[in-house]
Amino acid sequence: MSMPLHDIIGFVAGFGTTFAAMPDLIAMLKRRSCEGMNPTMAAIMGTFQIVWVYYGILVESRPVIVWNMIAVAINFLVVGAYFYFACSVPRHANHPPPGEGTKGSSGR
């Protein structure tokens, strides 16, 4: 029960591209913040990777199916983490406390 060479090459190539979003996900989880992150790229990638999964099913390519299913999960975890951390930040976090940064507080 050996795997054909083209499947082995596909699995190796897929590994390299599948985990491209992992650094963003790990960074958000470590910082517990979505600061500086934009979920649009991960959402777009995840959406089109679903199409790649379908394509893999059509052409019966296990590497295409497996790696893109993993990539879909990673990219949607990135989007989910972004919105989780974006919703957990208080809305007033970007505003200075009362009395700071106002026109009359400079002492002039």
PDB file of N, CA and C in Angstrom:
ATOM      1  N   MET A   1       0.843  -1.184   0.000  1.00  0.00           N
ATOM      2  CA  MET A   1       0.000   0.000   0.000  1.00  0.00           C
ATOM      3  C   MET A   1       0.887   1.245   0.000  1.00  0.00           C
ATOM      4  N   SER A   2       1.557   1.500  -1.111  1.00  0.00           N
ATOM      5  CA  SER A   2       2.407   2.680  -1.202  1.00  0.00           C
ATOM      6  C   SER A   2       1.646   3.812  -1.878  1.00  0.00           C
ATOM      7  N   MET A   3       2.089   5.014  -1.580  1.00  0.00           N
ATOM      8  CA  MET A   3       1.455   6.203  -2.136  1.00  0.00           C
ATOM      9  C   MET A   3       2.178   6.605  -3.414  1.00  0.00           C
ATOM     10  N   PRO A   4       1.429   6.981  -4.458  1.00  0.00           N
ATOM     11  CA  PRO A   4       2.076   7.420  -5.702  1.00  0.00           C
ATOM     12  C   PRO A   4       2.934   8.669  -5.467  1.00  0.00           C
ATOM     13  N   LEU A   5       3.978   8.823  -6.261  1.00  0.00           N
ATOM     14  CA  LEU A   5       4.896   9.951  -6.118  1.00  0.00           C
ATOM     15  C   LEU A   5       4.175  11.283  -6.216  1.00  0.00           C
ATOM     16  N   HIS A   6       3.208  11.411  -7.133  1.00  0.00           N
ATOM     17  CA  HIS A   6       2.525  12.703  -7.276  1.00  0.00           C
ATOM     18  C   HIS A   6       1.718  13.043  -6.023  1.00  0.00           C
ATOM     19  N   ASP A   7       1.219  12.054  -5.304  1.00  0.00           N
ATOM     20  CA  ASP A   7       0.537  12.331  -4.036  1.00  0.00           C
ATOM     21  C   ASP A   7       1.529  12.780  -2.970  1.00  0.00           C
ATOM     22  N   ILE A   8       2.699  12.164  -2.941  1.00  0.00           N
ATOM     23  CA  ILE A   8       3.723  12.551  -1.963  1.00  0.00           C
ATOM     24  C   ILE A   8       4.155  13.998  -2.206  1.00  0.00           C
ATOM     25  N   ILE A   9       4.402  14.346  -3.466  1.00  0.00           N
ATOM     26  CA  ILE A   9       4.790  15.720  -3.812  1.00  0.00           C
ATOM     27  C   ILE A   9       3.666  16.684  -3.438  1.00  0.00           C
ATOM     28  N   GLY A  10       2.439  16.287  -3.695  1.00  0.00           N
ATOM     29  CA  GLY A  10       1.286  17.123  -3.339  1.00  0.00           C
ATOM     30  C   GLY A  10       1.182  17.360  -1.845  1.00  0.00           C
ATOM     31  N   PHE A  11       1.415  16.320  -1.052  1.00  0.00           N
ATOM     32  CA  PHE A  11       1.364  16.489   0.399  1.00  0.00           C
ATOM     33  C   PHE A  11       2.470  17.413   0.894  1.00  0.00           C
ATOM     34  N   VAL A  12       3.674  17.269   0.344  1.00  0.00           N
ATOM     35  CA  VAL A  12       4.787  18.132   0.748  1.00  0.00           C
ATOM     36  C   VAL A  12       4.518  19.585   0.355  1.00  0.00           C
ATOM     37  N   ALA A  13       4.071  19.801  -0.875  1.00  0.00           N
ATOM     38  CA  ALA A  13       3.779  21.164  -1.342  1.00  0.00           C
ATOM     39  C   ALA A  13       2.630  21.776  -0.550  1.00  0.00           C
ATOM     40  N   GLY A  14       1.616  20.997  -0.281  1.00  0.00           N
ATOM     41  CA  GLY A  14       0.464  21.492   0.475  1.00  0.00           C
ATOM     42  C   GLY A  14       0.817  21.900   1.889  1.00  0.00           C
ATOM     43  N   PHE A  15       1.745  21.178   2.498  1.00  0.00           N
ATOM     44  CA  PHE A  15       2.174  21.502   3.860  1.00  0.00           C
ATOM     45  C   PHE A  15       2.688  22.935   3.936  1.00  0.00           C
ATOM     46  N   GLY A  16       3.476  23.325   2.939  1.00  0.00           N
ATOM     47  CA  GLY A  16       4.080  24.659   2.946  1.00  0.00           C
ATOM     48  C   GLY A  16       3.075  25.787   2.865  1.00  0.00           C
ATOM     49  N   THR A  17       2.015  25.603   2.118  1.00  0.00           N
ATOM     50  CA  THR A  17       1.037  26.679   1.954  1.00  0.00           C
ATOM     51  C   THR A  17      -0.103  26.609   2.962  1.00  0.00           C
ATOM     52  N   THR A  18      -0.365  25.449   3.482  1.00  0.00           N
ATOM     53  CA  THR A  18      -1.492  25.283   4.401  1.00  0.00           C
ATOM     54  C   THR A  18      -1.309  26.062   5.687  1.00  0.00           C
ATOM     55  N   PHE A  19      -0.109  26.088   6.193  1.00  0.00           N
ATOM     56  CA  PHE A  19       0.114  26.684   7.499  1.00  0.00           C
ATOM     57  C   PHE A  19       0.561  28.143   7.441  1.00  0.00           C
ATOM     58  N   ALA A  20       0.348  28.814   6.335  1.00  0.00           N
ATOM     59  CA  ALA A  20       0.760  30.214   6.179  1.00  0.00           C
ATOM     60  C   ALA A  20       0.047  31.142   7.164  1.00  0.00           C
ATOM     61  N   ALA A  21      -1.162  30.829   7.557  1.00  0.00           N
ATOM     62  CA  ALA A  21      -1.916  31.696   8.468  1.00  0.00           C
ATOM     63  C   ALA A  21      -1.620  31.403   9.941  1.00  0.00           C
ATOM     64  N   MET A  22      -0.887  30.350  10.224  1.00  0.00           N
ATOM     65  CA  MET A  22      -0.617  29.982  11.619  1.00  0.00           C
ATOM     66  C   MET A  22       0.113  31.066  12.418  1.00  0.00           C
ATOM     67  N   PRO A  23       1.106  31.760  11.864  1.00  0.00           N
ATOM     68  CA  PRO A  23       1.756  32.807  12.660  1.00  0.00           C
ATOM     69  C   PRO A  23       0.785  33.887  13.137  1.00  0.00           C
ATOM     70  N   ASP A  24      -0.160  34.283  12.289  1.00  0.00           N
ATOM     71  CA  ASP A  24      -1.154  35.280  12.714  1.00  0.00           C
ATOM     72  C   ASP A  24      -2.029  34.738  13.834  1.00  0.00           C
ATOM     73  N   LEU A  25      -2.475  33.509  13.705  1.00  0.00           N
ATOM     74  CA  LEU A  25      -3.321  32.902  14.725  1.00  0.00           C
ATOM     75  C   LEU A  25      -2.567  32.782  16.048  1.00  0.00           C
ATOM     76  N   ILE A  26      -1.335  32.299  15.992  1.00  0.00           N
ATOM     77  CA  ILE A  26      -0.533  32.143  17.211  1.00  0.00           C
ATOM     78  C   ILE A  26      -0.273  33.499  17.861  1.00  0.00           C
ATOM     79  N   ALA A  27       0.026  34.510  17.045  1.00  0.00           N
ATOM     80  CA  ALA A  27       0.278  35.848  17.587  1.00  0.00           C
ATOM     81  C   ALA A  27      -0.952  36.395  18.302  1.00  0.00           C
ATOM     82  N   MET A  28      -2.129  36.229  17.706  1.00  0.00           N
ATOM     83  CA  MET A  28      -3.353  36.711  18.354  1.00  0.00           C
ATOM     84  C   MET A  28      -3.600  35.981  19.665  1.00  0.00           C
ATOM     85  N   LEU A  29      -3.410  34.681  19.673  1.00  0.00           N
ATOM     86  CA  LEU A  29      -3.661  33.909  20.886  1.00  0.00           C
ATOM     87  C   LEU A  29      -2.668  34.261  21.991  1.00  0.00           C
ATOM     88  N   LYS A  30      -1.400  34.485  21.639  1.00  0.00           N
ATOM     89  CA  LYS A  30      -0.398  34.862  22.638  1.00  0.00           C
ATOM     90  C   LYS A  30      -0.675  36.244  23.218  1.00  0.00           C
ATOM     91  N   ARG A  31      -1.012  37.199  22.333  1.00  0.00           N
ATOM     92  CA  ARG A  31      -1.267  38.570  22.779  1.00  0.00           C
ATOM     93  C   ARG A  31      -2.651  38.736  23.373  1.00  0.00           C
ATOM     94  N   ARG A  32      -3.546  37.796  23.034  1.00  0.00           N
ATOM     95  CA  ARG A  32      -4.951  37.892  23.412  1.00  0.00           C
ATOM     96  C   ARG A  32      -5.530  39.221  22.911  1.00  0.00           C
ATOM     97  N   SER A  33      -5.130  39.541  21.691  1.00  0.00           N
ATOM     98  CA  SER A  33      -5.548  40.790  21.070  1.00  0.00           C
ATOM     99  C   SER A  33      -5.541  40.618  19.560  1.00  0.00           C
ATOM    100  N   CYS A  34      -6.419  41.351  18.898  1.00  0.00           N
ATOM    101  CA  CYS A  34      -6.439  41.316  17.437  1.00  0.00           C
ATOM    102  C   CYS A  34      -5.837  42.596  16.863  1.00  0.00           C
ATOM    103  N   GLU A  35      -5.156  43.356  17.717  1.00  0.00           N
ATOM    104  CA  GLU A  35      -4.555  44.611  17.276  1.00  0.00           C
ATOM    105  C   GLU A  35      -3.602  44.375  16.116  1.00  0.00           C
ATOM    106  N   GLY A  36      -3.756  45.167  15.077  1.00  0.00           N
ATOM    107  CA  GLY A  36      -2.905  45.082  13.904  1.00  0.00           C
ATOM    108  C   GLY A  36      -3.295  43.983  12.932  1.00  0.00           C
ATOM    109  N   MET A  37      -4.344  43.268  13.222  1.00  0.00           N
ATOM    110  CA  MET A  37      -4.761  42.162  12.360  1.00  0.00           C
ATOM    111  C   MET A  37      -5.948  42.599  11.498  1.00  0.00           C
ATOM    112  N   ASN A  38      -6.028  42.032  10.318  1.00  0.00           N
ATOM    113  CA  ASN A  38      -7.146  42.271   9.426  1.00  0.00           C
ATOM    114  C   ASN A  38      -7.665  40.898   8.983  1.00  0.00           C
ATOM    115  N   PRO A  39      -8.908  40.571   9.280  1.00  0.00           N
ATOM    116  CA  PRO A  39      -9.414  39.228   8.993  1.00  0.00           C
ATOM    117  C   PRO A  39      -9.778  38.996   7.530  1.00  0.00           C
ATOM    118  N   THR A  40      -9.741  40.033   6.714  1.00  0.00           N
ATOM    119  CA  THR A  40     -10.205  39.914   5.331  1.00  0.00           C
ATOM    120  C   THR A  40      -9.409  38.876   4.542  1.00  0.00           C
ATOM    121  N   MET A  41      -8.098  38.900   4.650  1.00  0.00           N
ATOM    122  CA  MET A  41      -7.272  37.951   3.900  1.00  0.00           C
ATOM    123  C   MET A  41      -7.596  36.516   4.293  1.00  0.00           C
ATOM    124  N   ALA A  42      -7.698  36.251   5.586  1.00  0.00           N
ATOM    125  CA  ALA A  42      -8.007  34.897   6.044  1.00  0.00           C
ATOM    126  C   ALA A  42      -9.391  34.466   5.577  1.00  0.00           C
ATOM    127  N   ALA A  43     -10.354  35.378   5.592  1.00  0.00           N
ATOM    128  CA  ALA A  43     -11.709  35.040   5.139  1.00  0.00           C
ATOM    129  C   ALA A  43     -11.727  34.726   3.644  1.00  0.00           C
ATOM    130  N   ILE A  44     -11.014  35.516   2.869  1.00  0.00           N
ATOM    131  CA  ILE A  44     -10.952  35.272   1.423  1.00  0.00           C
ATOM    132  C   ILE A  44     -10.247  33.944   1.146  1.00  0.00           C
ATOM    133  N   MET A  45      -9.123  33.727   1.800  1.00  0.00           N
ATOM    134  CA  MET A  45      -8.391  32.469   1.594  1.00  0.00           C
ATOM    135  C   MET A  45      -9.244  31.266   1.997  1.00  0.00           C
ATOM    136  N   GLY A  46      -9.891  31.344   3.139  1.00  0.00           N
ATOM    137  CA  GLY A  46     -10.730  30.242   3.599  1.00  0.00           C
ATOM    138  C   GLY A  46     -11.867  29.949   2.646  1.00  0.00           C
ATOM    139  N   THR A  47     -12.460  30.994   2.110  1.00  0.00           N
ATOM    140  CA  THR A  47     -13.570  30.821   1.168  1.00  0.00           C
ATOM    141  C   THR A  47     -13.107  30.108  -0.098  1.00  0.00           C
ATOM    142  N   PHE A  48     -11.995  30.547  -0.663  1.00  0.00           N
ATOM    143  CA  PHE A  48     -11.527  29.919  -1.892  1.00  0.00           C
ATOM    144  C   PHE A  48     -10.894  28.556  -1.649  1.00  0.00           C
ATOM    145  N   GLN A  49     -10.427  28.309  -0.444  1.00  0.00           N
ATOM    146  CA  GLN A  49      -9.924  26.974  -0.148  1.00  0.00           C
ATOM    147  C   GLN A  49     -11.061  25.957  -0.099  1.00  0.00           C
ATOM    148  N   ILE A  50     -12.256  26.408   0.224  1.00  0.00           N
ATOM    149  CA  ILE A  50     -13.425  25.529   0.134  1.00  0.00           C
ATOM    150  C   ILE A  50     -13.619  25.094  -1.316  1.00  0.00           C
ATOM    151  N   VAL A  51     -13.416  26.031  -2.245  1.00  0.00           N
ATOM    152  CA  VAL A  51     -13.508  25.691  -3.676  1.00  0.00           C
ATOM    153  C   VAL A  51     -12.409  24.687  -4.037  1.00  0.00           C
ATOM    154  N   TRP A  52     -11.205  24.853  -3.484  1.00  0.00           N
ATOM    155  CA  TRP A  52     -10.123  23.901  -3.734  1.00  0.00           C
ATOM    156  C   TRP A  52     -10.484  22.513  -3.207  1.00  0.00           C
ATOM    157  N   VAL A  53     -11.150  22.445  -2.064  1.00  0.00           N
ATOM    158  CA  VAL A  53     -11.590  21.142  -1.539  1.00  0.00           C
ATOM    159  C   VAL A  53     -12.537  20.487  -2.534  1.00  0.00           C
ATOM    160  N   TYR A  54     -13.479  21.261  -3.034  1.00  0.00           N
ATOM    161  CA  TYR A  54     -14.426  20.733  -4.021  1.00  0.00           C
ATOM    162  C   TYR A  54     -13.689  20.258  -5.277  1.00  0.00           C
ATOM    163  N   TYR A  55     -12.723  21.060  -5.727  1.00  0.00           N
ATOM    164  CA  TYR A  55     -11.916  20.676  -6.883  1.00  0.00           C
ATOM    165  C   TYR A  55     -11.171  19.364  -6.599  1.00  0.00           C
ATOM    166  N   GLY A  56     -10.593  19.253  -5.410  1.00  0.00           N
ATOM    167  CA  GLY A  56      -9.884  18.033  -5.039  1.00  0.00           C
ATOM    168  C   GLY A  56     -10.791  16.813  -5.071  1.00  0.00           C
ATOM    169  N   ILE A  57     -12.047  17.005  -4.667  1.00  0.00           N
ATOM    170  CA  ILE A  57     -13.018  15.908  -4.735  1.00  0.00           C
ATOM    171  C   ILE A  57     -13.295  15.543  -6.193  1.00  0.00           C
ATOM    172  N   LEU A  58     -13.460  16.561  -7.033  1.00  0.00           N
ATOM    173  CA  LEU A  58     -13.739  16.313  -8.453  1.00  0.00           C
ATOM    174  C   LEU A  58     -12.619  15.550  -9.144  1.00  0.00           C
ATOM    175  N   VAL A  59     -11.376  15.906  -8.847  1.00  0.00           N
ATOM    176  CA  VAL A  59     -10.238  15.258  -9.511  1.00  0.00           C
ATOM    177  C   VAL A  59      -9.665  14.108  -8.673  1.00  0.00           C
ATOM    178  N   GLU A  60     -10.307  13.821  -7.559  1.00  0.00           N
ATOM    179  CA  GLU A  60      -9.911  12.730  -6.661  1.00  0.00           C
ATOM    180  C   GLU A  60      -8.458  12.853  -6.215  1.00  0.00           C
ATOM    181  N   SER A  61      -8.106  14.048  -5.742  1.00  0.00           N
ATOM    182  CA  SER A  61      -6.748  14.303  -5.272  1.00  0.00           C
ATOM    183  C   SER A  61      -6.755  14.444  -3.755  1.00  0.00           C
ATOM    184  N   ARG A  62      -6.264  13.415  -3.091  1.00  0.00           N
ATOM    185  CA  ARG A  62      -6.223  13.451  -1.626  1.00  0.00           C
ATOM    186  C   ARG A  62      -5.392  14.605  -1.079  1.00  0.00           C
ATOM    187  N   PRO A  63      -4.223  14.909  -1.642  1.00  0.00           N
ATOM    188  CA  PRO A  63      -3.450  16.033  -1.098  1.00  0.00           C
ATOM    189  C   PRO A  63      -4.216  17.360  -1.172  1.00  0.00           C
ATOM    190  N   VAL A  64      -4.880  17.617  -2.274  1.00  0.00           N
ATOM    191  CA  VAL A  64      -5.639  18.861  -2.429  1.00  0.00           C
ATOM    192  C   VAL A  64      -6.764  18.912  -1.401  1.00  0.00           C
ATOM    193  N   ILE A  65      -7.450  17.810  -1.213  1.00  0.00           N
ATOM    194  CA  ILE A  65      -8.562  17.766  -0.263  1.00  0.00           C
ATOM    195  C   ILE A  65      -8.061  17.961   1.169  1.00  0.00           C
ATOM    196  N   VAL A  66      -7.079  17.181   1.567  1.00  0.00           N
ATOM    197  CA  VAL A  66      -6.619  17.193   2.956  1.00  0.00           C
ATOM    198  C   VAL A  66      -6.023  18.542   3.353  1.00  0.00           C
ATOM    199  N   TRP A  67      -5.067  19.035   2.557  1.00  0.00           N
ATOM    200  CA  TRP A  67      -4.406  20.279   2.933  1.00  0.00           C
ATOM    201  C   TRP A  67      -5.362  21.456   2.924  1.00  0.00           C
ATOM    202  N   ASN A  68      -6.262  21.500   1.969  1.00  0.00           N
ATOM    203  CA  ASN A  68      -7.187  22.628   1.919  1.00  0.00           C
ATOM    204  C   ASN A  68      -8.244  22.556   3.004  1.00  0.00           C
ATOM    205  N   MET A  69      -8.616  21.373   3.445  1.00  0.00           N
ATOM    206  CA  MET A  69      -9.536  21.272   4.581  1.00  0.00           C
ATOM    207  C   MET A  69      -8.867  21.805   5.849  1.00  0.00           C
ATOM    208  N   ILE A  70      -7.596  21.464   6.024  1.00  0.00           N
ATOM    209  CA  ILE A  70      -6.848  21.978   7.178  1.00  0.00           C
ATOM    210  C   ILE A  70      -6.712  23.499   7.074  1.00  0.00           C
ATOM    211  N   ALA A  71      -6.381  23.992   5.883  1.00  0.00           N
ATOM    212  CA  ALA A  71      -6.209  25.427   5.674  1.00  0.00           C
ATOM    213  C   ALA A  71      -7.517  26.181   5.905  1.00  0.00           C
ATOM    214  N   VAL A  72      -8.633  25.618   5.485  1.00  0.00           N
ATOM    215  CA  VAL A  72      -9.944  26.238   5.736  1.00  0.00           C
ATOM    216  C   VAL A  72     -10.132  26.406   7.239  1.00  0.00           C
ATOM    217  N   ALA A  73      -9.860  25.353   7.989  1.00  0.00           N
ATOM    218  CA  ALA A  73     -10.026  25.414   9.441  1.00  0.00           C
ATOM    219  C   ALA A  73      -9.124  26.482  10.062  1.00  0.00           C
ATOM    220  N   ILE A  74      -7.863  26.527   9.654  1.00  0.00           N
ATOM    221  CA  ILE A  74      -6.925  27.511  10.207  1.00  0.00           C
ATOM    222  C   ILE A  74      -7.377  28.930   9.884  1.00  0.00           C
ATOM    223  N   ASN A  75      -7.743  29.173   8.623  1.00  0.00           N
ATOM    224  CA  ASN A  75      -8.137  30.529   8.235  1.00  0.00           C
ATOM    225  C   ASN A  75      -9.415  30.982   8.934  1.00  0.00           C
ATOM    226  N   PHE A  76     -10.368  30.079   9.109  1.00  0.00           N
ATOM    227  CA  PHE A  76     -11.576  30.484   9.810  1.00  0.00           C
ATOM    228  C   PHE A  76     -11.349  30.588  11.318  1.00  0.00           C
ATOM    229  N   LEU A  77     -10.356  29.884  11.867  1.00  0.00           N
ATOM    230  CA  LEU A  77      -9.962  30.106  13.256  1.00  0.00           C
ATOM    231  C   LEU A  77      -9.351  31.500  13.418  1.00  0.00           C
ATOM    232  N   VAL A  78      -8.562  31.924  12.429  1.00  0.00           N
ATOM    233  CA  VAL A  78      -7.998  33.279  12.456  1.00  0.00           C
ATOM    234  C   VAL A  78      -9.123  34.310  12.466  1.00  0.00           C
ATOM    235  N   VAL A  79     -10.107  34.141  11.588  1.00  0.00           N
ATOM    236  CA  VAL A  79     -11.235  35.078  11.535  1.00  0.00           C
ATOM    237  C   VAL A  79     -12.009  35.038  12.854  1.00  0.00           C
ATOM    238  N   GLY A  80     -12.264  33.834  13.358  1.00  0.00           N
ATOM    239  CA  GLY A  80     -12.988  33.709  14.623  1.00  0.00           C
ATOM    240  C   GLY A  80     -12.242  34.339  15.779  1.00  0.00           C
ATOM    241  N   ALA A  81     -10.926  34.116  15.855  1.00  0.00           N
ATOM    242  CA  ALA A  81     -10.119  34.720  16.917  1.00  0.00           C
ATOM    243  C   ALA A  81     -10.124  36.236  16.794  1.00  0.00           C
ATOM    244  N   TYR A  82     -10.057  36.725  15.570  1.00  0.00           N
ATOM    245  CA  TYR A  82     -10.094  38.176  15.361  1.00  0.00           C
ATOM    246  C   TYR A  82     -11.374  38.757  15.960  1.00  0.00           C
ATOM    247  N   PHE A  83     -12.513  38.187  15.606  1.00  0.00           N
ATOM    248  CA  PHE A  83     -13.781  38.728  16.089  1.00  0.00           C
ATOM    249  C   PHE A  83     -13.978  38.474  17.585  1.00  0.00           C
ATOM    250  N   TYR A  84     -13.442  37.375  18.100  1.00  0.00           N
ATOM    251  CA  TYR A  84     -13.516  37.120  19.542  1.00  0.00           C
ATOM    252  C   TYR A  84     -12.764  38.219  20.292  1.00  0.00           C
ATOM    253  N   PHE A  85     -11.529  38.484  19.867  1.00  0.00           N
ATOM    254  CA  PHE A  85     -10.740  39.492  20.564  1.00  0.00           C
ATOM    255  C   PHE A  85     -11.236  40.900  20.267  1.00  0.00           C
ATOM    256  N   ALA A  86     -11.777  41.134  19.078  1.00  0.00           N
ATOM    257  CA  ALA A  86     -12.322  42.458  18.758  1.00  0.00           C
ATOM    258  C   ALA A  86     -13.548  42.747  19.616  1.00  0.00           C
ATOM    259  N   CYS A  87     -14.350  41.740  19.891  1.00  0.00           N
ATOM    260  CA  CYS A  87     -15.554  41.928  20.702  1.00  0.00           C
ATOM    261  C   CYS A  87     -15.240  41.987  22.188  1.00  0.00           C
ATOM    262  N   SER A  88     -14.093  41.469  22.605  1.00  0.00           N
ATOM    263  CA  SER A  88     -13.762  41.460  24.024  1.00  0.00           C
ATOM    264  C   SER A  88     -13.085  42.750  24.474  1.00  0.00           C
ATOM    265  N   VAL A  89     -12.719  43.611  23.530  1.00  0.00           N
ATOM    266  CA  VAL A  89     -12.097  44.882  23.865  1.00  0.00           C
ATOM    267  C   VAL A  89     -13.202  45.886  24.177  1.00  0.00           C
ATOM    268  N   PRO A  90     -13.125  46.566  25.327  1.00  0.00           N
ATOM    269  CA  PRO A  90     -14.143  47.580  25.631  1.00  0.00           C
ATOM    270  C   PRO A  90     -14.173  48.657  24.567  1.00  0.00           C
ATOM    271  N   ARG A  91     -15.351  49.158  24.272  1.00  0.00           N
ATOM    272  CA  ARG A  91     -15.499  50.163  23.216  1.00  0.00           C
ATOM    273  C   ARG A  91     -14.770  51.460  23.533  1.00  0.00           C
ATOM    274  N   HIS A  92     -14.585  51.777  24.784  1.00  0.00           N
ATOM    275  CA  HIS A  92     -13.920  53.025  25.155  1.00  0.00           C
ATOM    276  C   HIS A  92     -12.407  52.892  25.210  1.00  0.00           C
ATOM    277  N   ALA A  93     -11.870  51.756  24.829  1.00  0.00           N
ATOM    278  CA  ALA A  93     -10.437  51.504  24.944  1.00  0.00           C
ATOM    279  C   ALA A  93      -9.602  52.475  24.122  1.00  0.00           C
ATOM    280  N   ASN A  94     -10.123  53.006  23.040  1.00  0.00           N
ATOM    281  CA  ASN A  94      -9.355  53.915  22.190  1.00  0.00           C
ATOM    282  C   ASN A  94      -9.539  55.368  22.581  1.00  0.00           C
ATOM    283  N   HIS A  95     -10.335  55.644  23.581  1.00  0.00           N
ATOM    284  CA  HIS A  95     -10.593  57.012  24.000  1.00  0.00           C
ATOM    285  C   HIS A  95      -9.840  57.294  25.288  1.00  0.00           C
ATOM    286  N   PRO A  96      -9.293  58.512  25.435  1.00  0.00           N
ATOM    287  CA  PRO A  96      -8.570  58.841  26.670  1.00  0.00           C
ATOM    288  C   PRO A  96      -9.551  58.948  27.838  1.00  0.00           C
ATOM    289  N   PRO A  97      -9.065  58.710  29.053  1.00  0.00           N
ATOM    290  CA  PRO A  97      -9.926  58.868  30.230  1.00  0.00           C
ATOM    291  C   PRO A  97     -10.416  60.300  30.335  1.00  0.00           C
ATOM    292  N   PRO A  98     -11.520  60.522  31.026  1.00  0.00           N
ATOM    293  CA  PRO A  98     -12.052  61.886  31.180  1.00  0.00           C
ATOM    294  C   PRO A  98     -10.993  62.813  31.755  1.00  0.00           C
ATOM    295  N   GLY A  99     -10.900  63.989  31.189  1.00  0.00           N
ATOM    296  CA  GLY A  99      -9.946  64.981  31.665  1.00  0.00           C
ATOM    297  C   GLY A  99      -8.604  64.925  30.965  1.00  0.00           C
ATOM    298  N   GLU A 100      -8.298  63.833  30.282  1.00  0.00           N
ATOM    299  CA  GLU A 100      -7.037  63.728  29.549  1.00  0.00           C
ATOM    300  C   GLU A 100      -7.302  63.954  28.068  1.00  0.00           C
ATOM    301  N   GLY A 101      -6.443  64.689  27.452  1.00  0.00           N
ATOM    302  CA  GLY A 101      -6.549  64.897  26.019  1.00  0.00           C
ATOM    303  C   GLY A 101      -7.655  65.862  25.613  1.00  0.00           C
ATOM    304  N   THR A 102      -8.256  66.521  26.592  1.00  0.00           N
ATOM    305  CA  THR A 102      -9.293  67.504  26.254  1.00  0.00           C
ATOM    306  C   THR A 102      -8.673  68.869  26.168  1.00  0.00           C
ATOM    307  N   LYS A 103      -9.387  69.764  25.565  1.00  0.00           N
ATOM    308  CA  LYS A 103      -8.876  71.110  25.314  1.00  0.00           C
ATOM    309  C   LYS A 103      -8.489  71.834  26.604  1.00  0.00           C
ATOM    310  N   GLY A 104      -9.268  71.691  27.631  1.00  0.00           N
ATOM    311  CA  GLY A 104      -9.015  72.429  28.881  1.00  0.00           C
ATOM    312  C   GLY A 104      -8.060  71.764  29.832  1.00  0.00           C
ATOM    313  N   SER A 105      -7.538  70.604  29.546  1.00  0.00           N
ATOM    314  CA  SER A 105      -6.717  69.897  30.532  1.00  0.00           C
ATOM    315  C   SER A 105      -5.224  70.157  30.374  1.00  0.00           C
ATOM    316  N   SER A 106      -4.804  70.998  29.442  1.00  0.00           N
ATOM    317  CA  SER A 106      -3.376  71.213  29.217  1.00  0.00           C
ATOM    318  C   SER A 106      -2.776  72.196  30.226  1.00  0.00           C
ATOM    319  N   GLY A 107      -3.616  72.884  31.013  1.00  0.00           N
ATOM    320  CA  GLY A 107      -3.111  73.791  32.023  1.00  0.00           C
ATOM    321  C   GLY A 107      -2.759  75.149  31.482  1.00  0.00           C
ATOM    322  N   ARG A 108      -3.128  75.428  30.259  1.00  0.00           N
ATOM    323  CA  ARG A 108      -2.807  76.738  29.678  1.00  0.00           C
ATOM    324  C   ARG A 108      -3.817  77.762  30.030  1.00  0.00           C
TER     325      ARG A 108
END
